[in-house]
Structure formats: C-alpha cells, structure tokens
Amino acid sequence: MEVMSTTPGAGLGAMIRTWRDRLPPSAAALPVGRARRATGLRREELAELAGVSVDYVVRLEQGRATTPSAQVVASLARALQLTVTERDHLYRLAHLVPPADDTISDHIPPGLQRVLTRLGDVAVAVFAADWQLVWWNRGWAALLGDPASAPPRLRNFARDRFPVDGSPARLALWPVTELDPDTTDVAVVSDLRRATGRFPRDARLAGLIRDLSAGNERFAELWAMGTVAAHREDHKTIEHPSVGPVSVDCDVLSDGDSECKIVIMTAVPGSADETKLRLAVVAGPPPPRPSLAADLS
C-alpha cells in the first residue's frame, strides 16, 4: 500500500509550486521571451517579486524550509496573486494564523494586482491601513528611490513623516517638498486614528502609535487633537538627482474593507515635469543601498 508523505513542509512546497506554475509572467508585468519553457513564473522571478532569495524559494518548494515568517508568507501571497481564501490556506500550511478581519492585512487582491501591473510607467505604490509600504513599481523606485534597501519594518510613511530619534527617511531617498505639509501631517495622523477604529486588535498599528506618540512631539500633539479623516491628495516636488526637480500630483485611493491605500504620482500631460518623469523612469532607479532587511534566505 502506498504511504502518503508526511515530510514537514511538503504540502506548503507543493502549493507554492502549483500557484507559481499557474501564474503567467504577463500577469506580473514580466517579459515573455521566445526561448521560455516555463508557462508560469520561474523561481527567480517569484523570488524577486516576493523579495526573498532564490535559494529560499527552492528550499520552500523542496520542503527543507518549513517555518516561513508571516512577513514572508504575506510577500509570497502578493507575488503569487492569491485570493484571500488561498492566502489563508498558505498561512495555515506554514503553521501560521491567517490575518483576522479586525487586523490589518498586507494582502493585495488579484484583481487589484492586475490593474497595478497595467499602469505602466506611472509611479504607484500600495500601503496598508497603517501606512506600511507593501508594494511599489519601477516607476515609484525611479522617481523616489528604491525602498528595497530599507528594513521592511521601517518602510512606513508615518514613520518617515514623524521620525523618532532623528531616524532617516526610508521611502524617499531625495528631498520632497509639499504645498501644505501641515495639512498632510494632520491627514496622516487622523487617518491612523480612523484605522484604530477599524482594526482595534492590530498589534502592528498599536506599536506604531506607541512609538510615534512617545518619540515624536509633533505626532503626539496632533494625536491629542482626536481628528478622524483620510489622506486623499497632495502636490509634491521631488528633487531628483538625475533629472532635477519634478512636480507631481499625488492621489490616494482606498480599496474597500482592507483600507489599503493606492498612491499614484503623475505629472501634468505635456508638461516639462512629465518629460522629466519619463526620463527618470527610463533611467531607472540607482543601485539600492546595502539592505538592512532581515535575512529571508
């Protein structure tokens, strides 16, 4: 009688391979070469999209890595464009508890992911309800600098906005000015307060509020005001090191119950700023700084 394998991680690896094989590279905005044999994503492509090493993907699929962190599982779910049900199954295979409805999710639904990959050279990023950066495209990295060099925990717009102990900016590597920074400060803080009502049990959000309240006087002052609102639009000028100052409109869209924020930066059509934005995207982001992120391999 055939005995089923009970190797730890075998189910996890099999599902990752299945989901990798079913996702065409075009769905992830990856080029499809003539000599390509795989119909789905290659291991190195999944690794790049998820922000982990190729060796780690291999060990996961072979069942040699059996306890990925929640951060890695969330990254894999986004890269594989899983549905919420599939994402939860991936968490359980990794012996993790799936995110609850009253905690913040970093998951991007497959439909939204497909829309994002079709935006081309527009600078776009996705933030979770607590302003944690969870996804960005090449246009975003080219315009503001690649956030990949920053530790994942510090890829947070609120932490950048209200630094603690003089911590450097992580999400924009060159200077950014705004028409009305005070209004943006108020909007970000009040948006976080709104998130505490929507996700009262979220430990990451609670930790963020504690850190900023204790370490940034400006944040503590605005938090005490008790305003509840959302951050929707802004106008920024980025001092780009290669093409010079670029003025862009910054629009913030929200995605349903997850409260994730799609931030899109565009320049006025036909303007000099649009030309500079295109030049920046063509040049691409400079090589990232040495990463301080946790080793995922």
C-alpha atoms as a PDB file:
ATOM      1  CA  MET A   1       0.000   0.000   0.000  1.00  0.00           C
ATOM      2  CA  GLU A   2       1.303   3.436  -0.914  1.00  0.00           C
ATOM      3  CA  VAL A   3       2.069   5.610   2.083  1.00  0.00           C
ATOM      4  CA  MET A   4       1.465   9.345   1.835  1.00  0.00           C
ATOM      5  CA  SER A   5       4.455  11.553   2.509  1.00  0.00           C
ATOM      6  CA  THR A   6       4.467  13.246   5.892  1.00  0.00           C
ATOM      7  CA  THR A   7       7.626  15.279   5.241  1.00  0.00           C
ATOM      8  CA  PRO A   8       7.222  18.615   7.052  1.00  0.00           C
ATOM      9  CA  GLY A   9       6.566  21.414   4.576  1.00  0.00           C
ATOM     10  CA  ALA A  10       5.720  19.081   1.682  1.00  0.00           C
ATOM     11  CA  GLY A  11       2.211  20.464   1.359  1.00  0.00           C
ATOM     12  CA  LEU A  12       3.474  24.017   1.566  1.00  0.00           C
ATOM     13  CA  GLY A  13       6.073  23.475  -1.143  1.00  0.00           C
ATOM     14  CA  ALA A  14       3.636  21.680  -3.446  1.00  0.00           C
ATOM     15  CA  MET A  15       1.116  24.525  -3.238  1.00  0.00           C
ATOM     16  CA  ILE A  16       3.761  27.185  -3.886  1.00  0.00           C
ATOM     17  CA  ARG A  17       4.887  25.265  -6.991  1.00  0.00           C
ATOM     18  CA  THR A  18       1.274  24.876  -8.161  1.00  0.00           C
ATOM     19  CA  TRP A  19       0.499  28.563  -7.747  1.00  0.00           C
ATOM     20  CA  ARG A  20       3.820  29.566  -9.336  1.00  0.00           C
ATOM     21  CA  ASP A  21       3.152  27.373 -12.372  1.00  0.00           C
ATOM     22  CA  ARG A  22      -0.332  28.794 -12.955  1.00  0.00           C
ATOM     23  CA  LEU A  23       0.673  32.497 -12.902  1.00  0.00           C
ATOM     24  CA  PRO A  24       1.796  33.674 -16.359  1.00  0.00           C
ATOM     25  CA  PRO A  25       4.660  36.193 -16.344  1.00  0.00           C
ATOM     26  CA  SER A  26       2.471  38.672 -18.217  1.00  0.00           C
ATOM     27  CA  ALA A  27       0.163  38.866 -15.170  1.00  0.00           C
ATOM     28  CA  ALA A  28       3.124  40.085 -13.137  1.00  0.00           C
ATOM     29  CA  ALA A  29       4.242  42.528 -15.862  1.00  0.00           C
ATOM     30  CA  LEU A  30       7.284  40.381 -16.655  1.00  0.00           C
ATOM     31  CA  PRO A  31       8.657  39.965 -20.215  1.00  0.00           C
ATOM     32  CA  VAL A  32       7.962  36.708 -22.034  1.00  0.00           C
ATOM     33  CA  GLY A  33      10.931  35.539 -24.095  1.00  0.00           C
ATOM     34  CA  ARG A  34      10.725  33.235 -27.104  1.00  0.00           C
ATOM     35  CA  ALA A  35      13.025  30.662 -25.518  1.00  0.00           C
ATOM     36  CA  ARG A  36      10.952  30.478 -22.363  1.00  0.00           C
ATOM     37  CA  ARG A  37       9.989  26.939 -21.328  1.00  0.00           C
ATOM     38  CA  ALA A  38       8.055  27.596 -18.137  1.00  0.00           C
ATOM     39  CA  THR A  39       4.436  28.635 -18.633  1.00  0.00           C
ATOM     40  CA  GLY A  40       4.302  30.163 -15.182  1.00  0.00           C
ATOM     41  CA  LEU A  41       6.772  32.105 -13.082  1.00  0.00           C
ATOM     42  CA  ARG A  42      10.358  30.945 -12.752  1.00  0.00           C
ATOM     43  CA  ARG A  43      11.701  30.502  -9.244  1.00  0.00           C
ATOM     44  CA  GLU A  44      13.976  33.506  -9.629  1.00  0.00           C
ATOM     45  CA  GLU A  45      11.015  35.619 -10.771  1.00  0.00           C
ATOM     46  CA  LEU A  46       8.935  34.615  -7.766  1.00  0.00           C
ATOM     47  CA  ALA A  47      11.918  35.326  -5.508  1.00  0.00           C
ATOM     48  CA  GLU A  48      12.333  38.816  -6.971  1.00  0.00           C
ATOM     49  CA  LEU A  49       8.631  39.637  -6.712  1.00  0.00           C
ATOM     50  CA  ALA A  50       8.442  38.390  -3.122  1.00  0.00           C
ATOM     51  CA  GLY A  51      11.725  39.942  -2.010  1.00  0.00           C
ATOM     52  CA  VAL A  52      13.356  36.691  -0.911  1.00  0.00           C
ATOM     53  CA  SER A  53      16.338  34.738  -2.196  1.00  0.00           C
ATOM     54  CA  VAL A  54      16.050  32.113  -4.942  1.00  0.00           C
ATOM     55  CA  ASP A  55      17.660  29.582  -2.596  1.00  0.00           C
ATOM     56  CA  TYR A  56      14.906  30.194  -0.067  1.00  0.00           C
ATOM     57  CA  VAL A  57      12.202  29.583  -2.701  1.00  0.00           C
ATOM     58  CA  VAL A  58      13.958  26.335  -3.644  1.00  0.00           C
ATOM     59  CA  ARG A  59      14.104  25.209  -0.012  1.00  0.00           C
ATOM     60  CA  LEU A  60      10.431  26.044   0.485  1.00  0.00           C
ATOM     61  CA  GLU A  61       9.373  24.091  -2.589  1.00  0.00           C
ATOM     62  CA  GLN A  62      11.551  21.130  -1.633  1.00  0.00           C
ATOM     63  CA  GLY A  63      10.170  21.073   1.904  1.00  0.00           C
ATOM     64  CA  ARG A  64      13.526  21.928   3.503  1.00  0.00           C
ATOM     65  CA  ALA A  65      12.247  25.274   4.816  1.00  0.00           C
ATOM     66  CA  THR A  66       9.067  24.675   6.794  1.00  0.00           C
ATOM     67  CA  THR A  67       8.538  27.701   9.022  1.00  0.00           C
ATOM     68  CA  PRO A  68       8.471  30.884   6.931  1.00  0.00           C
ATOM     69  CA  SER A  69       7.614  34.050   8.834  1.00  0.00           C
ATOM     70  CA  ALA A  70       4.265  35.804   8.470  1.00  0.00           C
ATOM     71  CA  GLN A  71       6.081  38.554   6.558  1.00  0.00           C
ATOM     72  CA  VAL A  72       7.444  36.059   4.022  1.00  0.00           C
ATOM     73  CA  VAL A  73       4.067  34.339   3.641  1.00  0.00           C
ATOM     74  CA  ALA A  74       2.376  37.696   3.024  1.00  0.00           C
ATOM     75  CA  SER A  75       5.013  38.567   0.405  1.00  0.00           C
ATOM     76  CA  LEU A  76       4.583  35.210  -1.340  1.00  0.00           C
ATOM     77  CA  ALA A  77       0.790  35.600  -1.359  1.00  0.00           C
ATOM     78  CA  ARG A  78       1.107  39.020  -3.016  1.00  0.00           C
ATOM     79  CA  ALA A  79       3.663  37.800  -5.552  1.00  0.00           C
ATOM     80  CA  LEU A  80       1.527  34.766  -6.450  1.00  0.00           C
ATOM     81  CA  GLN A  81      -1.622  36.956  -6.628  1.00  0.00           C
ATOM     82  CA  LEU A  82      -3.593  34.661  -4.342  1.00  0.00           C
ATOM     83  CA  THR A  83      -7.197  35.200  -3.387  1.00  0.00           C
ATOM     84  CA  VAL A  84      -7.958  35.821   0.285  1.00  0.00           C
ATOM     85  CA  THR A  85      -9.041  32.180   0.703  1.00  0.00           C
ATOM     86  CA  GLU A  86      -5.830  30.934  -0.942  1.00  0.00           C
ATOM     87  CA  ARG A  87      -3.767  33.329   1.153  1.00  0.00           C
ATOM     88  CA  ASP A  88      -5.346  31.969   4.344  1.00  0.00           C
ATOM     89  CA  HIS A  89      -4.596  28.401   3.183  1.00  0.00           C
ATOM     90  CA  LEU A  90      -0.961  29.379   2.630  1.00  0.00           C
ATOM     91  CA  TYR A  91      -0.773  30.755   6.176  1.00  0.00           C
ATOM     92  CA  ARG A  92      -2.172  27.527   7.596  1.00  0.00           C
ATOM     93  CA  LEU A  93       0.257  25.380   5.583  1.00  0.00           C
ATOM     94  CA  ALA A  94       3.028  27.464   7.140  1.00  0.00           C
ATOM     95  CA  HIS A  95       1.504  26.801  10.605  1.00  0.00           C
ATOM     96  CA  LEU A  96       0.516  30.446  10.994  1.00  0.00           C
ATOM     97  CA  VAL A  97      -2.802  32.009  11.917  1.00  0.00           C
ATOM     98  CA  PRO A  98      -4.322  33.901   8.955  1.00  0.00           C
ATOM     99  CA  PRO A  99      -4.973  37.619   9.495  1.00  0.00           C
ATOM    100  CA  ALA A 100      -8.289  38.266  11.254  1.00  0.00           C
ATOM    101  CA  ASP A 101     -10.915  40.668   9.935  1.00  0.00           C
ATOM    102  CA  ASP A 102     -10.102  43.199  12.648  1.00  0.00           C
ATOM    103  CA  THR A 103      -6.357  43.220  11.997  1.00  0.00           C
ATOM    104  CA  ILE A 104      -4.557  44.986   9.176  1.00  0.00           C
ATOM    105  CA  SER A 105      -3.860  42.950   6.059  1.00  0.00           C
ATOM    106  CA  ASP A 106      -0.920  43.490   3.699  1.00  0.00           C
ATOM    107  CA  HIS A 107      -2.648  41.404   1.037  1.00  0.00           C
ATOM    108  CA  ILE A 108      -3.371  42.832  -2.418  1.00  0.00           C
ATOM    109  CA  PRO A 109      -6.355  41.157  -4.139  1.00  0.00           C
ATOM    110  CA  PRO A 110      -5.512  39.569  -7.524  1.00  0.00           C
ATOM    111  CA  GLY A 111      -7.814  41.921  -9.443  1.00  0.00           C
ATOM    112  CA  LEU A 112      -6.151  44.990  -7.956  1.00  0.00           C
ATOM    113  CA  GLN A 113      -2.718  43.481  -8.568  1.00  0.00           C
ATOM    114  CA  ARG A 114      -3.563  43.026 -12.258  1.00  0.00           C
ATOM    115  CA  VAL A 115      -4.700  46.649 -12.503  1.00  0.00           C
ATOM    116  CA  LEU A 116      -1.489  47.848 -10.852  1.00  0.00           C
ATOM    117  CA  THR A 117       0.726  45.902 -13.253  1.00  0.00           C
ATOM    118  CA  ARG A 118      -1.071  47.549 -16.184  1.00  0.00           C
ATOM    119  CA  LEU A 119      -0.340  51.092 -15.056  1.00  0.00           C
ATOM    120  CA  GLY A 120       2.960  51.027 -16.918  1.00  0.00           C
ATOM    121  CA  ASP A 121       5.383  53.812 -16.058  1.00  0.00           C
ATOM    122  CA  VAL A 122       3.081  55.618 -13.633  1.00  0.00           C
ATOM    123  CA  ALA A 123       4.720  55.892 -10.194  1.00  0.00           C
ATOM    124  CA  VAL A 124       2.458  53.849  -7.926  1.00  0.00           C
ATOM    125  CA  ALA A 125       2.745  52.167  -4.538  1.00  0.00           C
ATOM    126  CA  VAL A 126       0.365  50.355  -2.197  1.00  0.00           C
ATOM    127  CA  PHE A 127       0.300  50.973   1.551  1.00  0.00           C
ATOM    128  CA  ALA A 128      -1.584  49.001   4.199  1.00  0.00           C
ATOM    129  CA  ALA A 129      -4.059  50.727   6.526  1.00  0.00           C
ATOM    130  CA  ASP A 130      -1.216  51.732   8.881  1.00  0.00           C
ATOM    131  CA  TRP A 131       0.786  53.304   6.022  1.00  0.00           C
ATOM    132  CA  GLN A 132       3.114  50.310   5.811  1.00  0.00           C
ATOM    133  CA  LEU A 133       4.516  50.052   2.280  1.00  0.00           C
ATOM    134  CA  VAL A 134       3.652  46.637   0.831  1.00  0.00           C
ATOM    135  CA  TRP A 135       4.199  47.057  -2.931  1.00  0.00           C
ATOM    136  CA  TRP A 136       5.718  49.512  -5.406  1.00  0.00           C
ATOM    137  CA  ASN A 137       6.515  49.522  -9.096  1.00  0.00           C
ATOM    138  CA  ARG A 138       9.558  50.509 -11.133  1.00  0.00           C
ATOM    139  CA  GLY A 139       8.190  54.000 -11.721  1.00  0.00           C
ATOM    140  CA  TRP A 140       7.942  54.625  -7.977  1.00  0.00           C
ATOM    141  CA  ALA A 141      11.509  53.426  -7.377  1.00  0.00           C
ATOM    142  CA  ALA A 142      12.788  55.545 -10.271  1.00  0.00           C
ATOM    143  CA  LEU A 143      11.052  58.702  -9.032  1.00  0.00           C
ATOM    144  CA  LEU A 144      11.695  58.440  -5.280  1.00  0.00           C
ATOM    145  CA  GLY A 145      14.471  55.859  -4.943  1.00  0.00           C
ATOM    146  CA  ASP A 146      14.114  52.136  -4.332  1.00  0.00           C
ATOM    147  CA  PRO A 147      12.745  51.361  -0.830  1.00  0.00           C
ATOM    148  CA  ALA A 148      14.116  47.812  -1.013  1.00  0.00           C
ATOM    149  CA  SER A 149      17.267  48.794   0.868  1.00  0.00           C
ATOM    150  CA  ALA A 150      15.278  49.707   3.996  1.00  0.00           C
ATOM    151  CA  PRO A 151      14.294  47.088   6.601  1.00  0.00           C
ATOM    152  CA  PRO A 152      10.656  46.102   5.968  1.00  0.00           C
ATOM    153  CA  ARG A 153       9.536  47.360   9.387  1.00  0.00           C
ATOM    154  CA  LEU A 154      10.779  50.863   8.553  1.00  0.00           C
ATOM    155  CA  ARG A 155       9.036  51.092   5.173  1.00  0.00           C
ATOM    156  CA  ASN A 156       6.263  53.120   6.723  1.00  0.00           C
ATOM    157  CA  PHE A 157       5.111  56.557   5.587  1.00  0.00           C
ATOM    158  CA  ALA A 158       4.036  57.600   9.095  1.00  0.00           C
ATOM    159  CA  ARG A 159       7.476  56.703  10.491  1.00  0.00           C
ATOM    160  CA  ASP A 160       9.055  58.742   7.701  1.00  0.00           C
ATOM    161  CA  ARG A 161       6.676  61.603   8.347  1.00  0.00           C
ATOM    162  CA  PHE A 162       7.242  61.659  12.092  1.00  0.00           C
ATOM    163  CA  PRO A 163      10.803  60.416  12.683  1.00  0.00           C
ATOM    164  CA  VAL A 164      11.877  59.178  16.096  1.00  0.00           C
ATOM    165  CA  ASP A 165      15.380  59.930  17.394  1.00  0.00           C
ATOM    166  CA  GLY A 166      16.397  61.545  14.115  1.00  0.00           C
ATOM    167  CA  SER A 167      15.847  58.371  12.077  1.00  0.00           C
ATOM    168  CA  PRO A 168      16.490  58.951   8.337  1.00  0.00           C
ATOM    169  CA  ALA A 169      13.807  58.837   5.658  1.00  0.00           C
ATOM    170  CA  ARG A 170      13.394  55.403   4.079  1.00  0.00           C
ATOM    171  CA  LEU A 171      10.714  55.870   1.432  1.00  0.00           C
ATOM    172  CA  ALA A 172      12.062  58.884  -0.475  1.00  0.00           C
ATOM    173  CA  LEU A 173      15.811  58.921  -0.928  1.00  0.00           C
ATOM    174  CA  TRP A 174      15.895  62.514  -2.177  1.00  0.00           C
ATOM    175  CA  PRO A 175      14.254  65.702  -0.826  1.00  0.00           C
ATOM    176  CA  VAL A 176      10.488  66.100  -1.289  1.00  0.00           C
ATOM    177  CA  THR A 177       8.609  69.363  -0.705  1.00  0.00           C
ATOM    178  CA  GLU A 178       4.841  69.916  -0.458  1.00  0.00           C
ATOM    179  CA  LEU A 179       2.483  72.830  -0.887  1.00  0.00           C
ATOM    180  CA  ASP A 180       0.997  72.406   2.587  1.00  0.00           C
ATOM    181  CA  PRO A 181       2.967  69.982   4.792  1.00  0.00           C
ATOM    182  CA  ASP A 182       0.906  70.812   7.891  1.00  0.00           C
ATOM    183  CA  THR A 183      -2.264  69.631   6.165  1.00  0.00           C
ATOM    184  CA  THR A 184      -0.558  66.395   5.165  1.00  0.00           C
ATOM    185  CA  ASP A 185       0.656  65.842   8.742  1.00  0.00           C
ATOM    186  CA  VAL A 186      -2.878  66.251  10.093  1.00  0.00           C
ATOM    187  CA  ALA A 187      -4.299  63.970   7.395  1.00  0.00           C
ATOM    188  CA  VAL A 188      -1.851  61.140   8.076  1.00  0.00           C
ATOM    189  CA  VAL A 189      -2.368  61.231  11.847  1.00  0.00           C
ATOM    190  CA  SER A 190      -6.150  61.402  11.585  1.00  0.00           C
ATOM    191  CA  ASP A 191      -6.097  58.570   9.036  1.00  0.00           C
ATOM    192  CA  LEU A 192      -4.187  56.429  11.555  1.00  0.00           C
ATOM    193  CA  ARG A 193      -6.787  57.235  14.197  1.00  0.00           C
ATOM    194  CA  ARG A 194      -9.500  56.059  11.804  1.00  0.00           C
ATOM    195  CA  ALA A 195      -7.534  52.836  11.307  1.00  0.00           C
ATOM    196  CA  THR A 196      -7.521  52.173  15.068  1.00  0.00           C
ATOM    197  CA  GLY A 197     -11.314  52.099  14.971  1.00  0.00           C
ATOM    198  CA  ARG A 198     -11.374  49.740  12.004  1.00  0.00           C
ATOM    199  CA  PHE A 199      -8.581  47.442  13.279  1.00  0.00           C
ATOM    200  CA  PRO A 200      -8.715  47.617  17.097  1.00  0.00           C
ATOM    201  CA  ARG A 201      -6.784  44.385  17.662  1.00  0.00           C
ATOM    202  CA  ASP A 202      -3.902  45.047  15.299  1.00  0.00           C
ATOM    203  CA  ALA A 203      -0.611  44.814  17.210  1.00  0.00           C
ATOM    204  CA  ARG A 204       1.483  46.449  14.483  1.00  0.00           C
ATOM    205  CA  LEU A 205      -0.753  49.513  14.383  1.00  0.00           C
ATOM    206  CA  ALA A 206      -0.789  49.780  18.178  1.00  0.00           C
ATOM    207  CA  GLY A 207       3.005  49.560  18.276  1.00  0.00           C
ATOM    208  CA  LEU A 208       3.310  52.256  15.626  1.00  0.00           C
ATOM    209  CA  ILE A 209       1.061  54.632  17.597  1.00  0.00           C
ATOM    210  CA  ARG A 210       3.037  53.966  20.804  1.00  0.00           C
ATOM    211  CA  ASP A 211       6.391  54.572  19.127  1.00  0.00           C
ATOM    212  CA  LEU A 212       5.366  57.811  17.435  1.00  0.00           C
ATOM    213  CA  SER A 213       3.441  59.163  20.434  1.00  0.00           C
ATOM    214  CA  ALA A 214       6.439  58.625  22.708  1.00  0.00           C
ATOM    215  CA  GLY A 215       9.163  59.656  20.279  1.00  0.00           C
ATOM    216  CA  ASN A 216       7.781  62.482  18.137  1.00  0.00           C
ATOM    217  CA  GLU A 217       6.370  65.622  19.730  1.00  0.00           C
ATOM    218  CA  ARG A 218       4.578  66.750  16.582  1.00  0.00           C
ATOM    219  CA  PHE A 219       2.776  63.411  16.241  1.00  0.00           C
ATOM    220  CA  ALA A 220       1.781  63.420  19.926  1.00  0.00           C
ATOM    221  CA  GLU A 221       0.365  66.918  19.567  1.00  0.00           C
ATOM    222  CA  LEU A 222      -1.711  66.020  16.514  1.00  0.00           C
ATOM    223  CA  TRP A 223      -2.827  62.684  18.014  1.00  0.00           C
ATOM    224  CA  ALA A 224      -4.199  64.518  21.039  1.00  0.00           C
ATOM    225  CA  MET A 225      -6.461  66.555  18.736  1.00  0.00           C
ATOM    226  CA  GLY A 226      -8.594  63.462  18.057  1.00  0.00           C
ATOM    227  CA  THR A 227      -9.298  64.309  14.409  1.00  0.00           C
ATOM    228  CA  VAL A 228     -10.606  61.457  12.220  1.00  0.00           C
ATOM    229  CA  ALA A 229     -10.156  61.817   8.453  1.00  0.00           C
ATOM    230  CA  ALA A 230      -8.368  60.301   5.457  1.00  0.00           C
ATOM    231  CA  HIS A 231      -5.407  61.385   3.326  1.00  0.00           C
ATOM    232  CA  ARG A 232      -6.586  61.769  -0.277  1.00  0.00           C
ATOM    233  CA  GLU A 233      -4.460  64.111  -2.429  1.00  0.00           C
ATOM    234  CA  ASP A 234      -1.385  66.299  -2.406  1.00  0.00           C
ATOM    235  CA  HIS A 235       1.089  68.090  -4.680  1.00  0.00           C
ATOM    236  CA  LYS A 236       4.780  67.327  -4.323  1.00  0.00           C
ATOM    237  CA  THR A 237       8.095  68.360  -5.849  1.00  0.00           C
ATOM    238  CA  ILE A 238      10.816  65.715  -5.869  1.00  0.00           C
ATOM    239  CA  GLU A 239      14.433  66.881  -6.145  1.00  0.00           C
ATOM    240  CA  HIS A 240      15.533  64.048  -8.416  1.00  0.00           C
ATOM    241  CA  PRO A 241      19.332  63.666  -8.625  1.00  0.00           C
ATOM    242  CA  SER A 242      19.373  62.896 -12.367  1.00  0.00           C
ATOM    243  CA  VAL A 243      16.612  64.953 -13.983  1.00  0.00           C
ATOM    244  CA  GLY A 244      16.197  67.807 -11.498  1.00  0.00           C
ATOM    245  CA  PRO A 245      13.012  68.892  -9.691  1.00  0.00           C
ATOM    246  CA  VAL A 246       9.848  67.056 -10.748  1.00  0.00           C
ATOM    247  CA  SER A 247       6.421  68.364  -9.676  1.00  0.00           C
ATOM    248  CA  VAL A 248       3.711  65.721  -9.441  1.00  0.00           C
ATOM    249  CA  ASP A 249       0.145  65.333  -8.264  1.00  0.00           C
ATOM    250  CA  CYS A 250      -0.213  62.683  -5.579  1.00  0.00           C
ATOM    251  CA  ASP A 251      -3.600  60.962  -5.355  1.00  0.00           C
ATOM    252  CA  VAL A 252      -4.558  58.400  -2.723  1.00  0.00           C
ATOM    253  CA  LEU A 253      -7.251  55.801  -3.480  1.00  0.00           C
ATOM    254  CA  SER A 254      -8.628  53.313  -0.944  1.00  0.00           C
ATOM    255  CA  ASP A 255      -9.510  49.687  -1.601  1.00  0.00           C
ATOM    256  CA  GLY A 256     -12.642  48.630   0.244  1.00  0.00           C
ATOM    257  CA  ASP A 257     -12.652  46.855   3.596  1.00  0.00           C
ATOM    258  CA  SER A 258      -8.898  46.271   3.693  1.00  0.00           C
ATOM    259  CA  GLU A 259      -8.336  50.052   3.818  1.00  0.00           C
ATOM    260  CA  CYS A 260      -5.192  49.657   1.726  1.00  0.00           C
ATOM    261  CA  LYS A 261      -4.099  52.852   0.012  1.00  0.00           C
ATOM    262  CA  ILE A 262      -3.070  53.093  -3.635  1.00  0.00           C
ATOM    263  CA  VAL A 263      -0.797  56.125  -4.014  1.00  0.00           C
ATOM    264  CA  ILE A 264      -0.362  57.352  -7.590  1.00  0.00           C
ATOM    265  CA  MET A 265       2.012  60.122  -8.684  1.00  0.00           C
ATOM    266  CA  THR A 266       1.515  61.717 -12.088  1.00  0.00           C
ATOM    267  CA  ALA A 267       2.674  64.876 -13.867  1.00  0.00           C
ATOM    268  CA  VAL A 268       0.551  67.254 -15.942  1.00  0.00           C
ATOM    269  CA  PRO A 269       0.296  65.825 -19.503  1.00  0.00           C
ATOM    270  CA  GLY A 270       2.537  67.628 -21.974  1.00  0.00           C
ATOM    271  CA  SER A 271       4.453  69.464 -19.256  1.00  0.00           C
ATOM    272  CA  ALA A 272       8.199  69.602 -18.657  1.00  0.00           C
ATOM    273  CA  ASP A 273       7.559  67.636 -15.463  1.00  0.00           C
ATOM    274  CA  GLU A 274       6.014  64.791 -17.432  1.00  0.00           C
ATOM    275  CA  THR A 275       9.097  64.691 -19.662  1.00  0.00           C
ATOM    276  CA  LYS A 276      11.411  64.575 -16.652  1.00  0.00           C
ATOM    277  CA  LEU A 277       9.286  61.888 -15.032  1.00  0.00           C
ATOM    278  CA  ARG A 278       9.573  59.749 -18.172  1.00  0.00           C
ATOM    279  CA  LEU A 279      13.341  60.307 -18.306  1.00  0.00           C
ATOM    280  CA  ALA A 280      13.654  59.229 -14.687  1.00  0.00           C
ATOM    281  CA  VAL A 281      11.703  56.042 -15.376  1.00  0.00           C
ATOM    282  CA  VAL A 282      13.782  55.250 -18.479  1.00  0.00           C
ATOM    283  CA  ALA A 283      16.985  55.715 -16.488  1.00  0.00           C
ATOM    284  CA  GLY A 284      15.584  53.516 -13.734  1.00  0.00           C
ATOM    285  CA  PRO A 285      16.393  53.600 -10.041  1.00  0.00           C
ATOM    286  CA  PRO A 286      20.046  53.703  -8.983  1.00  0.00           C
ATOM    287  CA  PRO A 287      21.522  50.562  -7.415  1.00  0.00           C
ATOM    288  CA  PRO A 288      19.945  50.086  -3.968  1.00  0.00           C
ATOM    289  CA  ARG A 289      21.950  50.683  -0.842  1.00  0.00           C
ATOM    290  CA  PRO A 290      23.081  47.575   1.075  1.00  0.00           C
ATOM    291  CA  SER A 291      19.957  46.134   2.604  1.00  0.00           C
ATOM    292  CA  LEU A 292      19.447  46.091   6.357  1.00  0.00           C
ATOM    293  CA  ALA A 293      16.369  43.930   5.987  1.00  0.00           C
ATOM    294  CA  ALA A 294      16.048  40.687   7.853  1.00  0.00           C
ATOM    295  CA  ASP A 295      17.710  37.778   6.037  1.00  0.00           C
ATOM    296  CA  LEU A 296      14.944  35.788   4.408  1.00  0.00           C
ATOM    297  CA  SER A 297      17.164  33.100   2.983  1.00  0.00           C
END
